[in-house]
Amino acid sequence: MEIDELISQIRQDVKAVRDQGQQVIDASALDNYLAELAKTTSWTKEERQRAHQSQLEQFKATHASNLAQYAAQNQAALEMLRSVITLGQGALRASMLINGGAAVATLGFLSNAWTKGVPPAILAGLPHSLLLFVLGVLAAGLATGFTYLAQEAFASEQRRLGRVMRAVVIALVIVSYLLFGVGSWQAYVVFVGNG
């Protein structure tokens, strides 16, 4: 086979792949194609045509398989990301809700108890719980802000900063839950100790 024929054949095959809508050719599939094509240089024109068609179909099938696998991996990664975002949003909402609800309930109890003559020891102990609940809401609010900063860092290709911000978000949500737990425990101790 003459070099001009060989180059012409390769260009035709690449054009055929491009005409099918493929803009990227897998390097390993191309290497296999070229290796097979090199074997056919001593064959007759008819043998080369048959072998060429076979190679081309094999190349197309391999390329299509590689693209499908790549698309499936991307889809799985995208679904995992969506799941992580949804779960993270749920954790943020839950930390805000439980601390905010506890703070509102404690405020409501304190305002009602003030007028009903509840023992002063209870009235003196509950503001500490209220403060912990409010700090829990603040931690959850900060976590929401840091979530935005983390996403912005990832979007601008600052992966290291994004990972640091994500760690800060996780720590703030955990602190928010811990503040709720400690505030609840403190309120329990106040009620049990003065009940």
Foldseek 3Di string as FASTA:
>chain_A
DDPVVVVVLVVVLVVVLVVVVDPDADPVLVVVLVVQLVVCPPPDPVVSVVSNVVSSVVSSVVRVVVVVVVVVVVVVVVVVVVVVVVVLVVLLVVLLVLLVVVLVVLVVCLVVCVVVPDDVLLNVQLVVLNVLSVVLNVLSVVLVVLQVVLVVCVVVVNNVSNVVSPVSSVVSSVSSVVSNVVSVVSSVCSVVVRD
